[in-house]
Amino acid sequence: MKMHQKIIFRISVLILGCMTSCQKHTMPEFEILQEGFIYDQASFPQCHASTLVETADGNIVAAWFGGEYERHPEVSIYQSKLTDTVWSTPQKIADGQTENDALSYPTWNPVLFKNAENTLMLYYKEGPSPSTWWGMFKTSEDNGASWSAAEQLPDGILGPIKNKPIQLANGSIVSPSSVESEDGAVWKSHIELSSDNGYTWERVGIPSADTVKVIQPTLIQLKNGNLKALLRSDQNYILESESSDQGKTWSEATKGTMLNPNSGIDAVTLESGNFLLVYNPTEAGADWSDGRNKLNLAYSTDGSHWEDVLQLENEAEGEFSYPAIIQDSEGLVHITYTHNRSKIKYLQLKLE
């Protein structure tokens, strides 16, 4: 793992106070502790949609899907564990193989989540396409060393569709999800709620106009206790929805302030109560991958106004997409994302 010199960002923003005054707020300083790829070589040529979790033993585990190409029937879920600065060799932990050995379905978008009982959950999708897939999950009681047999989620419940759930102080798990129609005309987001640590769920909608497409929410918890969903959209901006009742109902999704080229995003609520967001800071183009050549990290104190603090990628062409971000129990920030569909890039940051 390549170590990098300390990179300091001193960016100030003006935060509005009362009507007659404003207060200057200094952005945090970031030290890049580690930066590199989770693996150099693997048994699969393509990969996508990484996820991160801190396990009960304090280690970081990443997972993603890999195979010949997205939608290939043998695309499977792989994981790797970080020890100090070294990631373990990718290990297959789920696939879409059926009892009929001749039939296999692709798997998609794994999401790792540790519940309040310290059970590690792996949620993922299985099926021919995003419009026809179904939700699956496995559990681990040994921090990902072994996994249970796969189980299918109930009809209508897909599990977290790309980004991690959050567990509230009352024990409720709020999981961000979405659906896509066969013809691609309809993309709608919703929330799945669990009161039993992620084994059973109920579904509630995030209202959005029929003229917009919104999928793959990421969730943050505001300082007043409200929840905010930031949503991937086809509007060239991230859309936003808010809940004041612990995720049971949501406001209609409206346009936020951050550009989005219809590409995956992820955010995290920091232990300070502030927020980080990883996103592609561009508009969409003619091709689905246009705009994914740049990837930024942004910071916010209120979940509404964001300032870029780190440029993760900035190339003339390429795909740097589908980020995941967490903060661990020691305060370190971990980020992964797809790097040109061939590798998973990893960064570890220290906030000062």
Protein backbone atom coordinates (compact mmCIF):
# COMPACT_ATOMS: atom_id res chain seq x y z
CA MET A 1 0.00 0.00 0.00
CA LYS A 2 1.52 3.32 -1.03
CA MET A 3 1.94 5.91 1.72
CA HIS A 4 1.48 9.55 0.82
CA GLN A 5 2.78 12.72 2.35
CA LYS A 6 0.50 14.82 4.45
CA ILE A 7 -1.93 16.86 2.41
CA ILE A 8 -3.51 19.78 4.20
CA PHE A 9 -6.60 21.58 3.06
CA ARG A 10 -7.38 24.93 4.62
CA ILE A 11 -10.61 26.01 3.05
CA SER A 12 -12.96 28.42 4.75
CA VAL A 13 -16.63 28.88 4.04
CA LEU A 14 -19.13 31.39 5.28
CA ILE A 15 -21.97 29.90 7.27
CA LEU A 16 -25.02 32.11 7.60
CA GLY A 17 -25.86 33.03 11.17
CA CYS A 18 -28.50 35.54 12.21
CA MET A 19 -29.88 38.05 9.70
CA THR A 20 -27.32 40.69 10.67
CA SER A 21 -24.13 38.65 10.89
CA CYS A 22 -22.25 35.62 9.60
CA GLN A 23 -19.52 33.45 11.05
CA LYS A 24 -16.46 32.04 9.32
CA HIS A 25 -16.00 28.30 9.67
CA THR A 26 -12.72 26.51 8.91
CA MET A 27 -12.87 23.27 7.01
CA PRO A 28 -11.16 20.24 8.59
CA GLU A 29 -7.65 19.23 7.65
CA PHE A 30 -7.13 15.81 6.03
CA GLU A 31 -4.09 13.56 6.17
CA ILE A 32 -4.03 10.77 3.59
CA LEU A 33 -2.71 7.75 5.48
CA GLN A 34 -3.14 5.16 2.75
CA GLU A 35 -3.99 5.20 -0.94
CA GLY A 36 -3.91 2.37 -3.44
CA PHE A 37 -5.80 -0.58 -4.90
CA ILE A 38 -7.36 -3.35 -2.84
CA TYR A 39 -5.85 -5.89 -5.25
CA ASP A 40 -3.45 -5.81 -8.19
CA GLN A 41 -4.66 -9.00 -9.85
CA ALA A 42 -7.82 -11.06 -9.51
CA SER A 43 -9.63 -13.99 -11.09
CA PHE A 44 -12.18 -11.62 -12.65
CA PRO A 45 -11.48 -8.87 -15.22
CA GLN A 46 -14.16 -6.40 -14.13
CA CYS A 47 -15.50 -5.14 -10.80
CA HIS A 48 -17.97 -2.57 -9.52
CA ALA A 49 -20.11 -1.31 -6.62
CA SER A 50 -17.88 -1.60 -3.54
CA THR A 51 -19.09 -1.40 0.05
CA LEU A 52 -17.28 -0.93 3.38
CA VAL A 53 -17.87 -1.84 7.01
CA GLU A 54 -15.96 -1.84 10.29
CA THR A 55 -16.42 -5.24 11.92
CA ALA A 56 -16.83 -5.88 15.66
CA ASP A 57 -13.11 -6.67 15.98
CA GLY A 58 -12.18 -3.25 14.61
CA ASN A 59 -11.10 -4.36 11.15
CA ILE A 60 -12.25 -2.95 7.82
CA VAL A 61 -13.90 -5.26 5.29
CA ALA A 62 -14.73 -4.33 1.70
CA ALA A 63 -16.96 -6.17 -0.78
CA TRP A 64 -17.92 -5.67 -4.44
CA PHE A 65 -19.19 -7.64 -7.43
CA GLY A 66 -16.78 -9.04 -9.99
CA GLY A 67 -16.86 -11.12 -13.15
CA GLU A 68 -16.50 -11.05 -16.90
CA TYR A 69 -18.74 -8.00 -17.16
CA GLU A 70 -21.81 -6.56 -15.46
CA ARG A 71 -24.87 -8.80 -16.07
CA HIS A 72 -22.75 -11.86 -16.86
CA PRO A 73 -24.44 -14.84 -15.16
CA GLU A 74 -21.31 -15.76 -13.24
CA VAL A 75 -20.73 -12.33 -11.69
CA SER A 76 -20.24 -12.96 -7.96
CA ILE A 77 -19.69 -11.07 -4.70
CA TYR A 78 -16.14 -10.85 -3.36
CA GLN A 79 -14.69 -9.53 -0.12
CA SER A 80 -11.30 -8.48 1.21
CA LYS A 81 -10.12 -7.61 4.73
CA LEU A 82 -7.65 -4.86 5.61
CA THR A 83 -4.84 -5.77 8.01
CA ASP A 84 -2.65 -2.76 8.78
CA THR A 85 -1.85 -1.63 5.22
CA VAL A 86 -2.44 -4.93 3.39
CA TRP A 87 -5.70 -6.21 1.92
CA SER A 88 -6.34 -9.95 1.84
CA THR A 89 -6.73 -11.81 -1.45
CA PRO A 90 -10.30 -11.36 -2.77
CA GLN A 91 -12.57 -14.20 -1.65
CA LYS A 92 -15.90 -15.14 -3.22
CA ILE A 93 -18.66 -14.96 -0.60
CA ALA A 94 -21.87 -15.11 -2.70
CA ASP A 95 -23.02 -16.00 -6.18
CA GLY A 96 -26.19 -16.65 -8.13
CA GLN A 97 -25.67 -20.35 -8.71
CA THR A 98 -28.95 -22.29 -8.55
CA GLU A 99 -29.59 -25.93 -7.65
CA ASN A 100 -29.63 -26.51 -11.39
CA ASP A 101 -25.91 -26.34 -12.07
CA ALA A 102 -26.56 -25.16 -15.61
CA LEU A 103 -28.37 -22.03 -14.39
CA SER A 104 -26.73 -19.07 -12.69
CA TYR A 105 -27.81 -15.46 -12.20
CA PRO A 106 -25.59 -12.40 -11.91
CA THR A 107 -25.26 -10.81 -8.48
CA TRP A 108 -25.14 -7.07 -7.89
CA ASN A 109 -24.45 -4.20 -5.50
CA PRO A 110 -23.41 -5.79 -2.20
CA VAL A 111 -23.94 -3.77 0.99
CA LEU A 112 -22.17 -4.69 4.23
CA PHE A 113 -23.79 -3.64 7.49
CA LYS A 114 -23.05 -4.43 11.17
CA ASN A 115 -26.18 -4.35 13.32
CA ALA A 116 -26.43 -3.48 17.02
CA GLU A 117 -25.92 -7.14 17.93
CA ASN A 118 -22.58 -7.08 16.07
CA THR A 119 -23.90 -9.50 13.47
CA LEU A 120 -22.38 -8.71 10.10
CA MET A 121 -25.00 -8.58 7.35
CA LEU A 122 -24.35 -8.93 3.62
CA TYR A 123 -27.20 -7.68 1.46
CA TYR A 124 -26.99 -8.07 -2.31
CA LYS A 125 -29.16 -8.40 -5.40
CA GLU A 126 -29.55 -11.43 -7.64
CA GLY A 127 -31.23 -11.66 -11.02
CA PRO A 128 -30.88 -10.93 -14.74
CA SER A 129 -31.24 -7.12 -14.52
CA PRO A 130 -31.98 -4.23 -12.12
CA SER A 131 -35.64 -4.30 -13.14
CA THR A 132 -36.01 -8.03 -12.40
CA TRP A 133 -33.55 -8.69 -9.57
CA TRP A 134 -34.52 -9.74 -6.04
CA GLY A 135 -32.97 -9.11 -2.63
CA MET A 136 -30.71 -11.64 -0.90
CA PHE A 137 -28.81 -11.65 2.38
CA LYS A 138 -26.28 -13.62 4.40
CA THR A 139 -25.03 -13.21 7.97
CA SER A 140 -21.68 -13.69 9.66
CA GLU A 141 -21.02 -14.14 13.39
CA ASP A 142 -17.23 -14.14 12.99
CA ASN A 143 -16.63 -10.79 11.31
CA GLY A 144 -16.78 -12.13 7.78
CA ALA A 145 -14.54 -15.17 8.21
CA SER A 146 -17.52 -17.35 7.28
CA TRP A 147 -21.04 -16.71 6.04
CA SER A 148 -24.43 -18.34 6.44
CA ALA A 149 -26.38 -19.82 3.55
CA ALA A 150 -28.06 -17.24 1.34
CA GLU A 151 -31.67 -16.30 2.06
CA GLN A 152 -34.07 -14.35 -0.13
CA LEU A 153 -35.74 -11.24 1.24
CA PRO A 154 -39.56 -11.08 1.09
CA ASP A 155 -41.28 -9.98 -2.10
CA GLY A 156 -41.17 -6.19 -2.43
CA ILE A 157 -38.10 -5.87 -0.18
CA LEU A 158 -34.82 -5.47 -2.06
CA GLY A 159 -32.50 -4.56 0.81
CA PRO A 160 -30.15 -1.58 0.66
CA ILE A 161 -29.79 -1.03 -3.06
CA LYS A 162 -26.27 0.44 -3.09
CA ASN A 163 -25.52 2.37 0.10
CA LYS A 164 -25.34 1.38 3.76
CA PRO A 165 -28.29 1.57 6.15
CA ILE A 166 -28.08 3.53 9.39
CA GLN A 167 -29.25 2.29 12.79
CA LEU A 168 -30.92 4.88 15.03
CA ALA A 169 -30.67 5.24 18.78
CA ASN A 170 -34.02 3.49 19.20
CA GLY A 171 -32.67 0.45 17.34
CA SER A 172 -34.58 1.06 14.11
CA ILE A 173 -32.61 0.36 10.94
CA VAL A 174 -33.28 2.74 8.06
CA SER A 175 -32.20 1.23 4.74
CA PRO A 176 -32.02 3.21 1.45
CA SER A 177 -33.43 1.40 -1.59
CA SER A 178 -34.97 1.95 -5.03
CA VAL A 179 -36.57 0.28 -8.05
CA GLU A 180 -36.11 0.59 -11.81
CA SER A 181 -38.66 -0.32 -14.48
CA GLU A 182 -37.87 -2.68 -17.35
CA ASP A 183 -37.89 0.11 -19.95
CA GLY A 184 -35.93 2.47 -17.72
CA ALA A 185 -38.72 5.04 -17.77
CA VAL A 186 -39.34 4.88 -14.02
CA TRP A 187 -36.77 5.15 -11.25
CA LYS A 188 -38.22 5.52 -7.78
CA SER A 189 -36.58 5.50 -4.36
CA HIS A 190 -37.93 4.17 -1.10
CA ILE A 191 -36.87 3.32 2.44
CA GLU A 192 -37.00 -0.07 4.12
CA LEU A 193 -37.37 -0.06 7.92
CA SER A 194 -36.48 -2.84 10.36
CA SER A 195 -37.10 -3.00 14.12
CA ASP A 196 -35.45 -6.42 14.62
CA ASN A 197 -31.84 -5.74 13.58
CA GLY A 198 -32.37 -6.33 9.89
CA TYR A 199 -34.27 -9.59 9.59
CA THR A 200 -37.75 -8.29 8.71
CA TRP A 201 -38.69 -5.08 6.95
CA GLU A 202 -41.46 -2.69 6.01
CA ARG A 203 -41.32 -0.36 3.01
CA VAL A 204 -42.12 3.37 2.79
CA GLY A 205 -41.84 5.61 -0.25
CA ILE A 206 -39.77 8.70 -0.93
CA PRO A 207 -42.13 10.88 -3.00
CA SER A 208 -40.75 12.25 -6.27
CA ALA A 209 -42.23 13.83 -9.37
CA ASP A 210 -42.94 11.46 -12.25
CA THR A 211 -40.79 13.72 -14.45
CA VAL A 212 -37.61 12.86 -12.56
CA LYS A 213 -35.67 9.66 -11.94
CA VAL A 214 -34.18 9.04 -8.50
CA ILE A 215 -32.42 5.91 -7.24
CA GLN A 216 -29.72 4.75 -4.81
CA PRO A 217 -30.26 7.06 -1.81
CA THR A 218 -27.54 7.64 0.76
CA LEU A 219 -28.57 8.66 4.28
CA ILE A 220 -27.25 11.18 6.80
CA GLN A 221 -28.64 12.22 10.20
CA LEU A 222 -28.89 15.97 10.75
CA LYS A 223 -28.02 17.69 14.00
CA ASN A 224 -31.71 18.20 14.83
CA GLY A 225 -32.26 14.44 14.56
CA ASN A 226 -33.96 14.54 11.17
CA LEU A 227 -32.84 12.15 8.46
CA LYS A 228 -31.87 13.33 4.99
CA ALA A 229 -31.68 11.20 1.86
CA LEU A 230 -29.37 12.33 -0.94
CA LEU A 231 -30.39 10.71 -4.21
CA ARG A 232 -28.78 9.94 -7.54
CA SER A 233 -30.89 11.52 -10.28
CA ASP A 234 -31.21 12.27 -13.99
CA GLN A 235 -31.50 16.01 -13.27
CA ASN A 236 -27.77 16.80 -13.31
CA TYR A 237 -28.04 17.41 -9.56
CA ILE A 238 -28.29 15.35 -6.41
CA LEU A 239 -31.87 15.43 -5.13
CA GLU A 240 -32.80 15.61 -1.44
CA SER A 241 -35.61 14.35 0.79
CA GLU A 242 -36.02 14.71 4.57
CA SER A 243 -37.76 12.79 7.34
CA SER A 244 -38.65 14.15 10.78
CA ASP A 245 -40.15 10.92 12.13
CA GLN A 246 -37.23 8.48 12.04
CA GLY A 247 -37.77 7.47 8.43
CA LYS A 248 -41.48 6.66 8.52
CA THR A 249 -42.44 9.46 6.11
CA TRP A 250 -40.40 11.58 3.69
CA SER A 251 -40.73 14.92 1.93
CA GLU A 252 -40.89 15.08 -1.85
CA ALA A 253 -37.44 14.89 -3.42
CA THR A 254 -36.18 18.29 -4.57
CA LYS A 255 -33.05 19.51 -6.32
CA GLY A 256 -30.03 20.10 -4.10
CA THR A 257 -26.88 22.10 -4.79
CA MET A 258 -24.42 19.42 -5.93
CA LEU A 259 -23.90 18.32 -9.52
CA ASN A 260 -24.53 14.68 -10.41
CA PRO A 261 -24.18 13.01 -13.86
CA ASN A 262 -26.66 10.24 -12.99
CA SER A 263 -23.98 8.31 -11.11
CA GLY A 264 -23.77 6.70 -7.68
CA ILE A 265 -22.91 8.73 -4.58
CA ASP A 266 -22.33 8.01 -0.89
CA ALA A 267 -22.23 10.14 2.26
CA VAL A 268 -21.50 9.67 5.95
CA THR A 269 -22.43 11.46 9.17
CA LEU A 270 -19.19 12.04 11.08
CA GLU A 271 -18.83 11.63 14.83
CA SER A 272 -18.61 15.44 14.98
CA GLY A 273 -22.12 15.70 13.53
CA ASN A 274 -20.78 17.07 10.24
CA PHE A 275 -20.84 15.26 6.90
CA LEU A 276 -18.74 13.99 4.00
CA LEU A 277 -20.01 13.22 0.50
CA VAL A 278 -18.23 11.41 -2.35
CA TYR A 279 -19.66 12.24 -5.77
CA ASN A 280 -18.91 12.96 -9.44
CA PRO A 281 -18.98 16.79 -9.70
CA THR A 282 -20.17 17.00 -13.30
CA GLU A 283 -23.22 16.98 -15.53
CA ALA A 284 -24.34 14.02 -17.62
CA GLY A 285 -23.27 13.59 -21.23
CA ALA A 286 -24.41 11.67 -24.26
CA ASP A 287 -22.97 8.38 -22.99
CA TRP A 288 -23.89 6.75 -19.66
CA SER A 289 -20.28 6.99 -18.44
CA ASP A 290 -19.82 10.68 -19.28
CA GLY A 291 -19.01 12.72 -16.20
CA ARG A 292 -17.56 9.83 -14.24
CA ASN A 293 -14.01 10.92 -15.07
CA LYS A 294 -13.97 13.20 -12.02
CA LEU A 295 -14.60 12.26 -8.40
CA ASN A 296 -14.58 14.61 -5.40
CA LEU A 297 -14.94 14.56 -1.63
CA ALA A 298 -17.13 17.33 -0.18
CA TYR A 299 -17.73 18.51 3.40
CA SER A 300 -20.78 20.04 5.05
CA THR A 301 -21.77 21.22 8.50
CA ASP A 302 -25.52 21.21 7.81
CA GLY A 303 -26.10 18.57 5.13
CA SER A 304 -27.29 21.20 2.65
CA HIS A 305 -24.30 23.41 1.81
CA TRP A 306 -21.23 21.52 0.63
CA GLU A 307 -17.64 22.48 -0.18
CA ASP A 308 -15.18 20.29 -2.09
CA VAL A 309 -12.18 19.42 0.06
CA LEU A 310 -10.39 16.73 -1.93
CA GLN A 311 -10.16 15.82 -5.60
CA LEU A 312 -9.98 12.03 -5.76
CA GLU A 313 -9.84 11.72 -9.56
CA ASN A 314 -9.64 14.19 -12.43
CA GLU A 315 -8.85 12.65 -15.80
CA ALA A 316 -9.77 13.51 -19.38
CA GLU A 317 -11.53 10.16 -19.60
CA GLY A 318 -12.13 7.09 -17.46
CA GLU A 319 -14.70 5.81 -14.99
CA PHE A 320 -14.31 6.54 -11.28
CA SER A 321 -17.66 5.80 -9.74
CA TYR A 322 -19.93 4.14 -7.17
CA PRO A 323 -18.08 5.30 -4.05
CA ALA A 324 -18.50 4.03 -0.51
CA ILE A 325 -17.48 5.97 2.60
CA ILE A 326 -17.47 5.18 6.35
CA GLN A 327 -15.85 6.53 9.51
CA ASP A 328 -14.47 3.93 11.92
CA SER A 329 -14.50 3.87 15.73
CA GLU A 330 -11.10 5.58 15.86
CA GLY A 331 -12.30 8.45 13.68
CA LEU A 332 -10.51 7.41 10.49
CA VAL A 333 -12.38 7.82 7.21
CA HIS A 334 -12.32 5.02 4.63
CA ILE A 335 -13.30 5.43 0.95
CA THR A 336 -13.52 2.94 -1.89
CA TYR A 337 -14.70 3.33 -5.47
CA THR A 338 -14.65 1.67 -8.89
CA HIS A 339 -11.48 2.49 -10.83
CA ASN A 340 -12.05 1.99 -14.57
CA ARG A 341 -14.12 -1.15 -13.87
CA SER A 342 -10.92 -3.14 -13.38
CA LYS A 343 -9.97 -2.42 -9.75
CA ILE A 344 -11.30 -1.07 -6.47
CA LYS A 345 -9.45 2.04 -5.27
CA TYR A 346 -9.02 2.63 -1.52
CA LEU A 347 -8.15 5.69 0.57
CA GLN A 348 -7.77 6.09 4.33
CA LEU A 349 -7.99 9.62 5.72
CA LYS A 350 -7.37 11.16 9.12
CA LEU A 351 -9.34 14.27 10.02
CA GLU A 352 -7.51 16.89 12.07
